[in-house]
Amino acid sequence: QVQLVESGGGLVQAGGSLRLSCAGSGRTFSNYAMSWFRQAPGKEREFVAAISGNGRNTYYADSVKGRFTISRDNAKTTMYLQSDNLKPEDTAVYYCAASASTYYTGSYIPNQYDVWGQGTQVTVSS
């Protein structure tokens, strides 16, 4: 089973950018659809973006569409989230997750993910 480690979080001013990375271990990385979720204090975990196992299909939450870009490099077993024009409401812990059962599409439902990373904090100041 793949293991996931996020990096790239930090403190940024509104309008700034961050690039989050999710490094996967093991040769089975390409067998999984991957997604980013986030969780702000006192709120439920919410879907941000998903990418299919082969990288051909991507999906975004309406709140980040046009500002965030999800991508993956299966040769490097790494997934990315380029986050531009960040807003204070983007402040949250960001988690990456892997799903074998939704290989072709990914999913916005947390329960459909088999493996989760430990999270990386993103803080956007106004």
N, C-alpha and C. Protein backbone atom coordinates (compact mmCIF):
# COMPACT_ATOMS: atom_id res chain seq x y z
N GLN A 1 0.84 -1.18 0.00
CA GLN A 1 0.00 0.00 0.00
C GLN A 1 0.88 1.24 0.00
N VAL A 2 0.47 2.24 -0.77
CA VAL A 2 1.26 3.45 -0.86
C VAL A 2 1.20 4.24 0.45
N GLN A 3 2.26 4.95 0.76
CA GLN A 3 2.29 5.88 1.88
C GLN A 3 2.50 7.27 1.32
N LEU A 4 1.90 8.29 1.97
CA LEU A 4 1.88 9.64 1.43
C LEU A 4 2.44 10.64 2.43
N VAL A 5 3.24 11.59 1.93
CA VAL A 5 3.80 12.66 2.76
C VAL A 5 3.64 13.98 2.03
N GLU A 6 2.93 14.93 2.67
CA GLU A 6 2.73 16.25 2.08
C GLU A 6 3.84 17.20 2.49
N SER A 7 4.07 18.20 1.66
CA SER A 7 5.01 19.28 1.97
C SER A 7 4.62 20.51 1.18
N GLY A 8 5.22 21.65 1.53
CA GLY A 8 5.01 22.87 0.76
C GLY A 8 4.08 23.88 1.37
N GLY A 9 3.46 23.54 2.50
CA GLY A 9 2.58 24.50 3.15
C GLY A 9 3.38 25.64 3.77
N GLY A 10 2.64 26.65 4.24
CA GLY A 10 3.30 27.78 4.87
C GLY A 10 2.38 28.96 5.03
N LEU A 11 2.97 30.11 5.35
CA LEU A 11 2.24 31.35 5.53
C LEU A 11 2.44 32.23 4.31
N VAL A 12 1.34 32.72 3.74
CA VAL A 12 1.42 33.55 2.55
C VAL A 12 0.37 34.65 2.64
N GLN A 13 0.63 35.77 2.01
CA GLN A 13 -0.35 36.85 1.99
C GLN A 13 -1.42 36.58 0.94
N ALA A 14 -2.57 37.16 1.14
CA ALA A 14 -3.65 37.03 0.18
C ALA A 14 -3.17 37.47 -1.20
N GLY A 15 -3.54 36.69 -2.22
CA GLY A 15 -3.08 36.95 -3.57
C GLY A 15 -1.81 36.22 -3.94
N GLY A 16 -1.17 35.62 -2.95
CA GLY A 16 0.07 34.90 -3.20
C GLY A 16 -0.17 33.48 -3.68
N SER A 17 0.92 32.72 -3.80
CA SER A 17 0.87 31.36 -4.35
C SER A 17 1.67 30.40 -3.48
N LEU A 18 1.27 29.16 -3.51
CA LEU A 18 2.01 28.06 -2.89
C LEU A 18 1.89 26.84 -3.79
N ARG A 19 2.90 26.00 -3.75
CA ARG A 19 2.85 24.72 -4.45
C ARG A 19 3.00 23.60 -3.44
N LEU A 20 1.94 22.86 -3.25
CA LEU A 20 1.98 21.72 -2.35
C LEU A 20 2.41 20.47 -3.10
N SER A 21 3.14 19.61 -2.41
CA SER A 21 3.57 18.34 -2.98
C SER A 21 3.10 17.20 -2.09
N CYS A 22 2.84 16.08 -2.72
CA CYS A 22 2.45 14.86 -2.01
C CYS A 22 3.31 13.73 -2.57
N ALA A 23 4.29 13.30 -1.80
CA ALA A 23 5.21 12.27 -2.25
C ALA A 23 4.69 10.90 -1.82
N GLY A 24 4.60 10.00 -2.78
CA GLY A 24 4.13 8.65 -2.48
C GLY A 24 5.26 7.65 -2.52
N SER A 25 5.20 6.68 -1.65
CA SER A 25 6.21 5.62 -1.64
C SER A 25 5.65 4.40 -2.36
N GLY A 26 6.54 3.59 -2.90
CA GLY A 26 6.09 2.35 -3.52
C GLY A 26 5.80 2.48 -4.99
N ARG A 27 5.89 1.35 -5.69
CA ARG A 27 5.73 1.35 -7.14
C ARG A 27 4.27 1.33 -7.57
N THR A 28 3.34 1.29 -6.62
CA THR A 28 1.92 1.22 -6.97
C THR A 28 1.27 2.58 -7.04
N PHE A 29 2.03 3.67 -6.93
CA PHE A 29 1.48 5.03 -6.91
C PHE A 29 0.55 5.26 -8.08
N SER A 30 0.93 4.81 -9.27
CA SER A 30 0.13 5.08 -10.47
C SER A 30 -1.17 4.30 -10.50
N ASN A 31 -1.37 3.37 -9.57
CA ASN A 31 -2.61 2.60 -9.52
C ASN A 31 -3.74 3.33 -8.79
N TYR A 32 -3.43 4.51 -8.27
CA TYR A 32 -4.38 5.23 -7.44
C TYR A 32 -4.80 6.55 -8.08
N ALA A 33 -6.09 6.85 -8.01
CA ALA A 33 -6.52 8.24 -8.18
C ALA A 33 -6.07 8.98 -6.93
N MET A 34 -5.80 10.26 -7.09
CA MET A 34 -5.30 11.06 -5.99
C MET A 34 -6.15 12.32 -5.83
N SER A 35 -6.21 12.79 -4.60
CA SER A 35 -6.97 14.01 -4.36
C SER A 35 -6.33 14.85 -3.26
N TRP A 36 -6.73 16.10 -3.23
CA TRP A 36 -6.44 17.00 -2.13
C TRP A 36 -7.75 17.32 -1.42
N PHE A 37 -7.70 17.25 -0.11
CA PHE A 37 -8.78 17.71 0.75
C PHE A 37 -8.19 18.76 1.70
N ARG A 38 -9.06 19.49 2.34
CA ARG A 38 -8.59 20.46 3.35
C ARG A 38 -9.58 20.52 4.50
N GLN A 39 -9.07 20.91 5.65
CA GLN A 39 -9.91 21.02 6.83
C GLN A 39 -9.50 22.25 7.63
N ALA A 40 -10.43 23.17 7.77
CA ALA A 40 -10.22 24.37 8.57
C ALA A 40 -10.71 24.11 10.00
N PRO A 41 -10.21 24.87 10.97
CA PRO A 41 -10.63 24.66 12.37
C PRO A 41 -12.14 24.77 12.52
N GLY A 42 -12.71 23.77 13.17
CA GLY A 42 -14.14 23.77 13.43
C GLY A 42 -15.01 23.40 12.25
N LYS A 43 -14.39 23.02 11.13
CA LYS A 43 -15.15 22.66 9.94
C LYS A 43 -14.85 21.23 9.52
N GLU A 44 -15.74 20.68 8.70
CA GLU A 44 -15.53 19.33 8.19
C GLU A 44 -14.48 19.35 7.07
N ARG A 45 -13.89 18.18 6.87
CA ARG A 45 -12.94 18.04 5.78
C ARG A 45 -13.68 18.21 4.45
N GLU A 46 -13.12 19.00 3.54
CA GLU A 46 -13.78 19.26 2.27
C GLU A 46 -12.88 18.95 1.10
N PHE A 47 -13.50 18.52 0.02
CA PHE A 47 -12.81 18.19 -1.22
C PHE A 47 -12.26 19.45 -1.87
N VAL A 48 -11.05 19.34 -2.43
CA VAL A 48 -10.43 20.45 -3.15
C VAL A 48 -10.26 20.11 -4.63
N ALA A 49 -9.58 18.99 -4.91
CA ALA A 49 -9.31 18.63 -6.30
C ALA A 49 -8.95 17.15 -6.38
N ALA A 50 -9.19 16.56 -7.54
CA ALA A 50 -8.87 15.15 -7.76
C ALA A 50 -8.23 14.97 -9.13
N ILE A 51 -7.44 13.91 -9.25
CA ILE A 51 -6.81 13.58 -10.52
C ILE A 51 -6.81 12.07 -10.69
N SER A 52 -7.12 11.61 -11.90
CA SER A 52 -7.18 10.17 -12.14
C SER A 52 -5.78 9.56 -12.09
N GLY A 53 -5.75 8.22 -12.04
CA GLY A 53 -4.48 7.52 -11.93
C GLY A 53 -3.53 7.81 -13.06
N ASN A 54 -4.06 7.98 -14.27
CA ASN A 54 -3.19 8.26 -15.42
C ASN A 54 -3.02 9.75 -15.66
N GLY A 55 -3.61 10.58 -14.82
CA GLY A 55 -3.44 12.03 -14.91
C GLY A 55 -4.26 12.72 -15.98
N ARG A 56 -5.11 11.98 -16.67
CA ARG A 56 -5.84 12.56 -17.80
C ARG A 56 -7.09 13.32 -17.37
N ASN A 57 -7.64 12.99 -16.23
CA ASN A 57 -8.88 13.62 -15.76
C ASN A 57 -8.65 14.35 -14.46
N THR A 58 -9.14 15.57 -14.39
CA THR A 58 -9.01 16.37 -13.18
C THR A 58 -10.36 16.98 -12.82
N TYR A 59 -10.56 17.20 -11.54
CA TYR A 59 -11.82 17.75 -11.03
C TYR A 59 -11.52 18.71 -9.89
N TYR A 60 -12.33 19.77 -9.80
CA TYR A 60 -12.08 20.79 -8.80
C TYR A 60 -13.37 21.18 -8.08
N ALA A 61 -13.22 21.56 -6.82
CA ALA A 61 -14.32 22.19 -6.12
C ALA A 61 -14.55 23.57 -6.72
N ASP A 62 -15.79 24.01 -6.72
CA ASP A 62 -16.10 25.32 -7.29
C ASP A 62 -15.32 26.43 -6.62
N SER A 63 -15.03 26.28 -5.34
CA SER A 63 -14.36 27.33 -4.59
C SER A 63 -12.92 27.57 -5.02
N VAL A 64 -12.31 26.59 -5.71
CA VAL A 64 -10.90 26.73 -6.11
C VAL A 64 -10.72 26.71 -7.62
N LYS A 65 -11.80 26.46 -8.36
CA LYS A 65 -11.70 26.35 -9.81
C LYS A 65 -11.16 27.65 -10.40
N GLY A 66 -10.17 27.54 -11.27
CA GLY A 66 -9.56 28.71 -11.89
C GLY A 66 -8.40 29.27 -11.10
N ARG A 67 -8.22 28.84 -9.85
CA ARG A 67 -7.11 29.32 -9.01
C ARG A 67 -6.13 28.21 -8.67
N PHE A 68 -6.60 26.98 -8.54
CA PHE A 68 -5.76 25.85 -8.18
C PHE A 68 -5.61 24.90 -9.37
N THR A 69 -4.44 24.24 -9.45
CA THR A 69 -4.20 23.26 -10.50
C THR A 69 -3.59 22.01 -9.88
N ILE A 70 -4.24 20.88 -10.10
CA ILE A 70 -3.73 19.60 -9.61
C ILE A 70 -2.99 18.90 -10.74
N SER A 71 -1.89 18.24 -10.40
CA SER A 71 -1.12 17.49 -11.40
C SER A 71 -0.38 16.37 -10.70
N ARG A 72 0.18 15.47 -11.48
CA ARG A 72 0.94 14.37 -10.91
C ARG A 72 2.03 13.95 -11.87
N ASP A 73 3.09 13.40 -11.31
CA ASP A 73 4.20 12.84 -12.07
C ASP A 73 4.39 11.42 -11.55
N ASN A 74 3.84 10.45 -12.26
CA ASN A 74 3.91 9.07 -11.77
C ASN A 74 5.33 8.53 -11.76
N ALA A 75 6.18 9.02 -12.64
CA ALA A 75 7.58 8.58 -12.63
C ALA A 75 8.27 9.00 -11.35
N LYS A 76 7.85 10.14 -10.80
CA LYS A 76 8.42 10.63 -9.54
C LYS A 76 7.54 10.29 -8.34
N THR A 77 6.46 9.59 -8.58
CA THR A 77 5.48 9.21 -7.55
C THR A 77 5.11 10.41 -6.68
N THR A 78 4.79 11.50 -7.34
CA THR A 78 4.47 12.74 -6.63
C THR A 78 3.28 13.42 -7.27
N MET A 79 2.42 13.98 -6.44
CA MET A 79 1.29 14.78 -6.88
C MET A 79 1.49 16.21 -6.39
N TYR A 80 0.93 17.17 -7.13
CA TYR A 80 1.12 18.57 -6.80
C TYR A 80 -0.23 19.30 -6.75
N LEU A 81 -0.22 20.41 -6.02
CA LEU A 81 -1.34 21.35 -6.05
C LEU A 81 -0.76 22.75 -6.14
N GLN A 82 -0.85 23.34 -7.33
CA GLN A 82 -0.42 24.72 -7.52
C GLN A 82 -1.59 25.61 -7.12
N SER A 83 -1.37 26.43 -6.10
CA SER A 83 -2.44 27.26 -5.54
C SER A 83 -2.09 28.72 -5.77
N ASP A 84 -2.86 29.39 -6.61
CA ASP A 84 -2.62 30.79 -6.95
C ASP A 84 -3.76 31.66 -6.45
N ASN A 85 -3.48 32.96 -6.37
CA ASN A 85 -4.49 33.92 -5.92
C ASN A 85 -5.16 33.44 -4.63
N LEU A 86 -4.34 33.07 -3.66
CA LEU A 86 -4.86 32.52 -2.42
C LEU A 86 -5.67 33.55 -1.64
N LYS A 87 -6.68 33.05 -0.95
CA LYS A 87 -7.57 33.89 -0.16
C LYS A 87 -7.53 33.44 1.30
N PRO A 88 -7.87 34.32 2.23
CA PRO A 88 -7.88 33.91 3.65
C PRO A 88 -8.75 32.69 3.91
N GLU A 89 -9.82 32.53 3.16
CA GLU A 89 -10.70 31.38 3.36
C GLU A 89 -10.08 30.06 2.87
N ASP A 90 -8.91 30.14 2.23
CA ASP A 90 -8.19 28.92 1.85
C ASP A 90 -7.35 28.37 3.01
N THR A 91 -7.29 29.11 4.11
CA THR A 91 -6.53 28.67 5.27
C THR A 91 -7.09 27.36 5.81
N ALA A 92 -6.22 26.35 5.92
CA ALA A 92 -6.65 25.02 6.37
C ALA A 92 -5.44 24.11 6.41
N VAL A 93 -5.64 22.93 6.98
CA VAL A 93 -4.67 21.85 6.82
C VAL A 93 -5.05 21.11 5.54
N TYR A 94 -4.09 20.94 4.66
CA TYR A 94 -4.32 20.28 3.38
C TYR A 94 -3.79 18.85 3.45
N TYR A 95 -4.64 17.92 3.02
CA TYR A 95 -4.31 16.50 3.05
C TYR A 95 -4.34 15.94 1.63
N CYS A 96 -3.40 15.06 1.32
CA CYS A 96 -3.53 14.30 0.09
C CYS A 96 -4.03 12.91 0.43
N ALA A 97 -4.69 12.29 -0.54
CA ALA A 97 -5.31 10.99 -0.33
C ALA A 97 -5.27 10.19 -1.61
N ALA A 98 -5.24 8.86 -1.46
CA ALA A 98 -5.16 7.94 -2.59
C ALA A 98 -6.34 6.98 -2.57
N SER A 99 -6.90 6.76 -3.75
CA SER A 99 -8.06 5.86 -3.88
C SER A 99 -7.82 4.89 -5.02
N ALA A 100 -7.85 3.58 -4.70
CA ALA A 100 -7.69 2.57 -5.74
C ALA A 100 -9.01 2.33 -6.47
N SER A 101 -10.12 2.46 -5.77
CA SER A 101 -11.41 2.09 -6.35
C SER A 101 -11.94 3.12 -7.33
N THR A 102 -11.39 4.34 -7.31
CA THR A 102 -11.91 5.39 -8.20
C THR A 102 -10.81 5.84 -9.16
N TYR A 103 -10.05 4.89 -9.66
CA TYR A 103 -8.85 5.14 -10.48
C TYR A 103 -9.12 6.13 -11.61
N TYR A 104 -10.24 5.99 -12.30
CA TYR A 104 -10.46 6.78 -13.52
C TYR A 104 -11.00 8.18 -13.26
N THR A 105 -11.51 8.43 -12.06
CA THR A 105 -12.16 9.72 -11.82
C THR A 105 -11.73 10.41 -10.53
N GLY A 106 -11.29 9.64 -9.54
CA GLY A 106 -11.16 10.20 -8.21
C GLY A 106 -12.54 10.41 -7.63
N SER A 107 -12.62 11.00 -6.47
CA SER A 107 -13.92 11.18 -5.81
C SER A 107 -13.85 12.35 -4.84
N TYR A 108 -15.02 12.97 -4.60
CA TYR A 108 -15.08 14.05 -3.63
C TYR A 108 -15.48 13.52 -2.25
N ILE A 109 -15.66 12.20 -2.15
CA ILE A 109 -16.13 11.58 -0.91
C ILE A 109 -14.94 11.03 -0.13
N PRO A 110 -14.66 11.55 1.06
CA PRO A 110 -13.49 11.10 1.82
C PRO A 110 -13.46 9.59 2.08
N ASN A 111 -14.62 8.98 2.30
CA ASN A 111 -14.65 7.55 2.65
C ASN A 111 -14.19 6.65 1.52
N GLN A 112 -14.08 7.19 0.32
CA GLN A 112 -13.63 6.37 -0.81
C GLN A 112 -12.11 6.35 -0.96
N TYR A 113 -11.42 6.96 -0.01
CA TYR A 113 -9.95 7.01 -0.06
C TYR A 113 -9.35 6.03 0.94
N ASP A 114 -8.32 5.33 0.46
CA ASP A 114 -7.71 4.25 1.24
C ASP A 114 -6.55 4.73 2.10
N VAL A 115 -5.85 5.73 1.62
CA VAL A 115 -4.62 6.17 2.28
C VAL A 115 -4.63 7.70 2.37
N TRP A 116 -4.17 8.21 3.51
CA TRP A 116 -4.10 9.65 3.74
C TRP A 116 -2.71 10.05 4.22
N GLY A 117 -2.30 11.25 3.84
CA GLY A 117 -1.09 11.82 4.40
C GLY A 117 -1.37 12.47 5.74
N GLN A 118 -0.32 13.05 6.34
CA GLN A 118 -0.44 13.63 7.68
C GLN A 118 -0.92 15.08 7.65
N GLY A 119 -0.89 15.70 6.48
CA GLY A 119 -1.36 17.07 6.33
C GLY A 119 -0.26 18.10 6.37
N THR A 120 -0.52 19.24 5.71
CA THR A 120 0.40 20.37 5.73
C THR A 120 -0.44 21.64 5.90
N GLN A 121 0.02 22.53 6.77
CA GLN A 121 -0.76 23.73 7.11
C GLN A 121 -0.53 24.82 6.06
N VAL A 122 -1.64 25.39 5.59
CA VAL A 122 -1.60 26.56 4.72
C VAL A 122 -2.34 27.69 5.44
N THR A 123 -1.65 28.82 5.61
CA THR A 123 -2.25 29.97 6.27
C THR A 123 -2.14 31.17 5.34
N VAL A 124 -3.27 31.79 5.04
CA VAL A 124 -3.30 32.95 4.15
C VAL A 124 -3.74 34.16 4.97
N SER A 125 -2.86 35.14 5.04
CA SER A 125 -3.17 36.35 5.80
C SER A 125 -3.78 37.41 4.90
N SER A 126 -4.66 38.21 5.49
CA SER A 126 -5.35 39.25 4.70
C SER A 126 -4.58 40.55 4.71
